[in-house]
Amino acid sequence: MAYDSDIGSGIGFDLNALCVGHITGNTANNSIAAFPDNFTTEAKALGADSETTANGFEVIRPLFTEPDMLFNVPEFGESELINAVVGKISAASKEKKVLLKLNGPYSVLASLIRPELFYRWCAKHGEAIHAALDSITTSLEMYLNKSIDSGAGIISLADPYAKVSILGEKRYREFAAAYLSRLLRGVKGEMAIIHLCPHSSIPLVQFGCFAVKEIPVNSDTYLDALIHQNGPLLLGNRCVYSGKIDSITSLIYTGS
């Protein structure tokens, strides 16, 4: 089975670097305000520093250098940085539809550890990895639900570091899919529309975690279509920044 599908062919380790909207918050839609304006917020809320590459991308400097450090990852749902983003959402929601860009638990953790160490730790220090992912998922649940309560109507959730082609199915299910599914089930906003990046939704559908149902639309852009949908709704299998579309794909949790 080809888990990555055509959309994943030849794509490098950090898929966020290929998605300008996820980096800059620019949705090319004047009816939508997107926050935050980067994809480093969660890592910085945990205390990480960042630097800018020669190509102008902001990247996180490794924060965890020993596996035992993962047993003490703090929760960050009430951090100053997260509260600042939530405050911006609250203010913007009075005039526009607000989109929250959220990274999945696996990608938040992976961004804080050198890749060669992270894969080794997944193989040899699974208990430490699970402890960190548990704390991060709890924090992301708080962040997500606070944002919805403050006016975020659309959540764009991406987990770009989690690739089946690198992890293999067993470790993908254990370290990525399990916590991403838990985060999705933790959404409490009854009106929220959650969009899951296709690099994550397609493997989860192929693994049987979700069934799909196509909903016909007629829209010049995917985001325009989302503005006219009513939640609760979980969507995927297309990029949230797609152009003209004739349907959107609803994801239905199967319990798998």
Protein backbone atom coordinates (compact mmCIF):
# COMPACT_ATOMS: atom_id res chain seq x y z
CA MET A 1 0.00 0.00 0.00
CA ALA A 2 1.34 3.45 -0.94
CA TYR A 3 0.63 5.53 2.14
CA ASP A 4 2.04 8.87 0.98
CA SER A 5 0.04 8.99 -2.27
CA ASP A 6 0.85 11.41 -5.05
CA ILE A 7 0.74 14.46 -2.80
CA GLY A 8 3.67 13.17 -0.78
CA SER A 9 5.98 12.17 -3.60
CA GLY A 10 9.43 13.70 -3.34
CA ILE A 11 8.52 16.00 -0.46
CA GLY A 12 11.23 16.68 2.08
CA PHE A 13 11.25 16.36 5.83
CA ASP A 14 9.60 19.66 6.77
CA LEU A 15 6.38 19.86 4.77
CA ASN A 16 5.49 23.17 6.42
CA ALA A 17 8.34 24.76 4.46
CA LEU A 18 6.36 24.04 1.29
CA CYS A 19 3.16 25.64 2.56
CA VAL A 20 3.47 29.41 2.45
CA GLY A 21 0.09 29.90 4.10
CA HIS A 22 1.11 27.82 7.10
CA ILE A 23 4.33 29.80 7.46
CA THR A 24 3.01 33.32 6.99
CA GLY A 25 -0.65 33.12 7.90
CA ASN A 26 -1.51 34.61 4.51
CA THR A 27 -4.68 32.90 3.29
CA ALA A 28 -5.15 35.12 0.20
CA ASN A 29 -8.69 35.57 1.48
CA ASN A 30 -9.69 38.94 2.89
CA SER A 31 -12.61 37.40 4.75
CA ILE A 32 -10.32 35.26 6.91
CA ALA A 33 -7.75 36.18 9.56
CA ALA A 34 -5.18 33.41 10.24
CA PHE A 35 -3.15 32.99 13.43
CA PRO A 36 -0.38 32.58 14.37
CA ASP A 37 1.81 34.06 11.64
CA ASN A 38 4.39 31.24 11.88
CA PHE A 39 4.61 27.52 12.61
CA THR A 40 6.94 27.82 15.61
CA THR A 41 4.49 29.04 18.26
CA GLU A 42 4.04 25.74 20.10
CA ALA A 43 7.78 25.05 20.24
CA LYS A 44 8.51 28.55 21.50
CA ALA A 45 5.78 28.18 24.12
CA LEU A 46 7.79 25.23 25.42
CA GLY A 47 10.89 27.43 25.73
CA ALA A 48 12.67 26.78 22.44
CA ASP A 49 14.64 29.43 20.55
CA SER A 50 14.53 29.90 16.80
CA GLU A 51 16.79 31.13 14.03
CA THR A 52 16.25 32.22 10.44
CA THR A 53 17.78 30.21 7.62
CA ALA A 54 19.50 31.69 4.57
CA ASN A 55 16.24 31.11 2.68
CA GLY A 56 14.30 33.17 5.20
CA PHE A 57 12.55 30.32 7.04
CA GLU A 58 12.27 30.39 10.81
CA VAL A 59 13.46 27.11 12.31
CA ILE A 60 13.58 25.84 15.87
CA ARG A 61 16.84 25.14 17.65
CA PRO A 62 16.89 21.74 19.40
CA LEU A 63 15.62 21.97 22.97
CA PHE A 64 15.93 18.37 24.17
CA THR A 65 19.33 16.68 24.01
CA GLU A 66 18.81 13.68 26.33
CA PRO A 67 15.82 11.29 26.37
CA ASP A 68 15.30 11.67 30.13
CA MET A 69 14.42 15.33 29.53
CA LEU A 70 11.21 14.16 27.83
CA PHE A 71 9.74 13.03 31.14
CA ASN A 72 9.59 16.68 32.25
CA VAL A 73 8.06 18.43 29.24
CA PRO A 74 5.87 21.19 30.72
CA GLU A 75 2.32 21.88 29.66
CA PHE A 76 2.07 25.14 27.73
CA GLY A 77 -1.65 25.70 27.20
CA GLU A 78 -1.63 28.63 29.63
CA SER A 79 1.70 30.10 28.53
CA GLU A 80 2.07 33.81 27.79
CA LEU A 81 2.70 33.14 24.10
CA ILE A 82 -0.37 30.95 23.67
CA ASN A 83 -2.54 33.44 25.54
CA ALA A 84 -1.27 36.20 23.24
CA VAL A 85 -2.39 34.23 20.17
CA VAL A 86 -5.78 33.52 21.76
CA GLY A 87 -6.15 37.25 22.49
CA LYS A 88 -5.50 38.09 18.82
CA ILE A 89 -8.09 35.53 17.78
CA SER A 90 -10.66 37.08 20.10
CA ALA A 91 -10.05 40.58 18.72
CA ALA A 92 -10.05 39.52 15.05
CA SER A 93 -13.15 37.36 15.34
CA LYS A 94 -15.30 40.44 15.81
CA GLU A 95 -14.74 41.35 12.15
CA LYS A 96 -13.60 38.23 10.29
CA LYS A 97 -13.72 34.48 10.22
CA VAL A 98 -10.66 33.27 12.13
CA LEU A 99 -8.46 30.34 11.16
CA LEU A 100 -6.10 28.80 13.72
CA LYS A 101 -3.02 27.02 12.33
CA LEU A 102 -2.09 24.20 14.68
CA ASN A 103 0.75 21.69 14.56
CA GLY A 104 0.15 18.08 15.60
CA PRO A 105 1.77 16.57 18.72
CA TYR A 106 4.38 14.52 16.87
CA SER A 107 5.57 17.50 14.83
CA VAL A 108 5.80 19.78 17.86
CA LEU A 109 8.05 17.25 19.58
CA ALA A 110 10.06 16.42 16.46
CA SER A 111 10.85 20.10 15.90
CA LEU A 112 12.57 20.21 19.31
CA ILE A 113 14.97 17.29 18.76
CA ARG A 114 17.68 16.66 16.19
CA PRO A 115 16.19 14.24 13.64
CA GLU A 116 18.86 11.56 13.99
CA LEU A 117 18.32 11.55 17.77
CA PHE A 118 14.55 11.58 17.53
CA TYR A 119 14.30 8.45 15.38
CA ARG A 120 16.76 6.65 17.67
CA TRP A 121 14.75 7.65 20.74
CA CYS A 122 11.53 6.43 19.14
CA ALA A 123 13.20 3.03 18.76
CA LYS A 124 14.95 2.84 22.13
CA HIS A 125 13.21 5.26 24.50
CA GLY A 126 9.52 4.84 23.70
CA GLU A 127 8.39 5.51 27.27
CA ALA A 128 10.08 8.92 27.25
CA ILE A 129 8.61 9.77 23.84
CA HIS A 130 5.13 8.84 25.04
CA ALA A 131 5.51 10.95 28.18
CA ALA A 132 6.41 14.00 26.08
CA LEU A 133 3.65 13.40 23.53
CA ASP A 134 1.09 13.01 26.31
CA SER A 135 2.02 16.40 27.81
CA ILE A 136 2.13 18.12 24.42
CA THR A 137 -1.24 16.68 23.37
CA THR A 138 -2.85 17.89 26.59
CA SER A 139 -1.46 21.38 25.96
CA LEU A 140 -2.61 21.40 22.34
CA GLU A 141 -6.11 20.38 23.42
CA MET A 142 -6.22 23.35 25.76
CA TYR A 143 -4.82 25.71 23.11
CA LEU A 144 -7.26 24.48 20.48
CA ASN A 145 -10.34 24.67 22.69
CA LYS A 146 -9.41 28.09 24.10
CA SER A 147 -9.02 29.34 20.53
CA ILE A 148 -12.42 27.99 19.55
CA ASP A 149 -14.00 29.56 22.64
CA SER A 150 -12.37 32.86 21.65
CA GLY A 151 -13.76 32.83 18.12
CA ALA A 152 -11.66 30.56 15.89
CA GLY A 153 -14.15 29.02 13.46
CA ILE A 154 -11.70 27.03 11.32
CA ILE A 155 -8.78 24.95 12.59
CA SER A 156 -6.09 23.98 10.09
CA LEU A 157 -4.24 21.08 11.69
CA ALA A 158 -0.97 19.81 10.20
CA ASP A 159 1.48 17.15 11.41
CA PRO A 160 4.18 17.48 8.73
CA TYR A 161 7.06 15.70 10.45
CA ALA A 162 4.99 12.49 10.77
CA LYS A 163 5.63 10.55 7.58
CA VAL A 164 4.77 6.88 7.20
CA SER A 165 7.56 6.49 4.64
CA ILE A 166 10.11 7.42 7.33
CA LEU A 167 8.54 5.95 10.47
CA GLY A 168 6.90 2.84 9.07
CA GLU A 169 3.29 1.94 9.84
CA LYS A 170 3.85 0.58 13.36
CA ARG A 171 5.69 3.63 14.72
CA TYR A 172 3.47 6.03 12.78
CA ARG A 173 0.42 4.55 14.46
CA GLU A 174 2.08 4.51 17.88
CA PHE A 175 3.73 7.93 17.98
CA ALA A 176 1.78 10.04 15.47
CA ALA A 177 -1.67 8.70 14.65
CA ALA A 178 -2.61 7.84 18.24
CA TYR A 179 -1.94 11.34 19.58
CA LEU A 180 -3.34 13.14 16.54
CA SER A 181 -6.56 11.15 16.88
CA ARG A 182 -6.69 11.93 20.60
CA LEU A 183 -6.29 15.65 19.84
CA LEU A 184 -9.10 15.53 17.30
CA ARG A 185 -11.40 13.73 19.75
CA GLY A 186 -10.58 16.37 22.37
CA VAL A 187 -12.21 19.19 20.38
CA LYS A 188 -15.12 20.57 22.40
CA GLY A 189 -16.35 23.39 20.15
CA GLU A 190 -19.70 22.41 18.66
CA MET A 191 -19.45 24.86 15.75
CA ALA A 192 -15.79 24.39 14.80
CA ILE A 193 -14.62 23.21 11.40
CA ILE A 194 -11.43 21.17 11.68
CA HIS A 195 -9.36 20.71 8.53
CA LEU A 196 -6.68 18.02 8.66
CA CYS A 197 -3.74 18.35 6.26
CA PRO A 198 -3.91 15.65 3.56
CA HIS A 199 -0.42 14.40 4.46
CA SER A 200 -2.05 13.25 7.72
CA SER A 201 -5.65 12.55 6.70
CA ILE A 202 -4.82 10.24 3.79
CA PRO A 203 -2.75 7.77 5.89
CA LEU A 204 -5.39 7.81 8.64
CA VAL A 205 -8.08 6.97 6.09
CA GLN A 206 -5.90 4.23 4.59
CA PHE A 207 -5.30 2.79 8.07
CA GLY A 208 -9.05 2.64 8.68
CA CYS A 209 -9.15 5.32 11.38
CA PHE A 210 -11.59 7.42 9.34
CA ALA A 211 -14.18 6.82 6.65
CA VAL A 212 -14.85 9.56 4.09
CA LYS A 213 -17.92 11.24 2.65
CA GLU A 214 -17.80 13.75 -0.18
CA ILE A 215 -19.88 16.91 0.31
CA PRO A 216 -20.69 18.73 -2.98
CA VAL A 217 -19.77 22.42 -3.12
CA ASN A 218 -19.18 24.99 -5.83
CA SER A 219 -16.47 27.38 -4.76
CA ASP A 220 -13.56 29.30 -6.24
CA THR A 221 -11.34 28.30 -3.29
CA TYR A 222 -11.39 25.71 -0.54
CA LEU A 223 -11.42 28.39 2.16
CA ASP A 224 -14.40 30.09 0.54
CA ALA A 225 -16.24 26.79 0.78
CA LEU A 226 -15.37 26.41 4.45
CA ILE A 227 -16.75 29.85 5.28
CA HIS A 228 -20.19 28.63 4.22
CA GLN A 229 -20.11 25.34 6.12
CA ASN A 230 -21.58 24.73 9.56
CA GLY A 231 -19.73 22.79 12.23
CA PRO A 232 -19.01 20.50 13.83
CA LEU A 233 -17.15 19.18 10.81
CA LEU A 234 -13.88 17.30 10.34
CA LEU A 235 -12.42 17.57 6.84
CA GLY A 236 -9.30 16.42 5.02
CA ASN A 237 -7.70 14.93 1.90
CA ARG A 238 -7.17 18.34 0.25
CA CYS A 239 -4.86 21.24 1.02
CA VAL A 240 -6.68 23.98 2.90
CA TYR A 241 -5.18 26.47 0.42
CA SER A 242 -6.59 24.68 -2.66
CA GLY A 243 -8.22 26.62 -5.48
CA LYS A 244 -11.52 25.92 -7.21
CA ILE A 245 -13.23 22.77 -5.94
CA ASP A 246 -16.49 20.91 -6.46
CA SER A 247 -16.50 18.94 -3.19
CA ILE A 248 -15.02 18.76 0.29
CA THR A 249 -14.17 15.52 2.08
CA SER A 250 -15.74 14.83 5.46
CA LEU A 251 -13.78 12.49 7.76
CA ILE A 252 -15.88 10.17 9.92
CA TYR A 253 -14.17 8.56 12.92
CA THR A 254 -14.50 4.79 12.83
CA GLY A 255 -13.17 3.99 16.31
CA SER A 256 -10.20 2.09 14.88
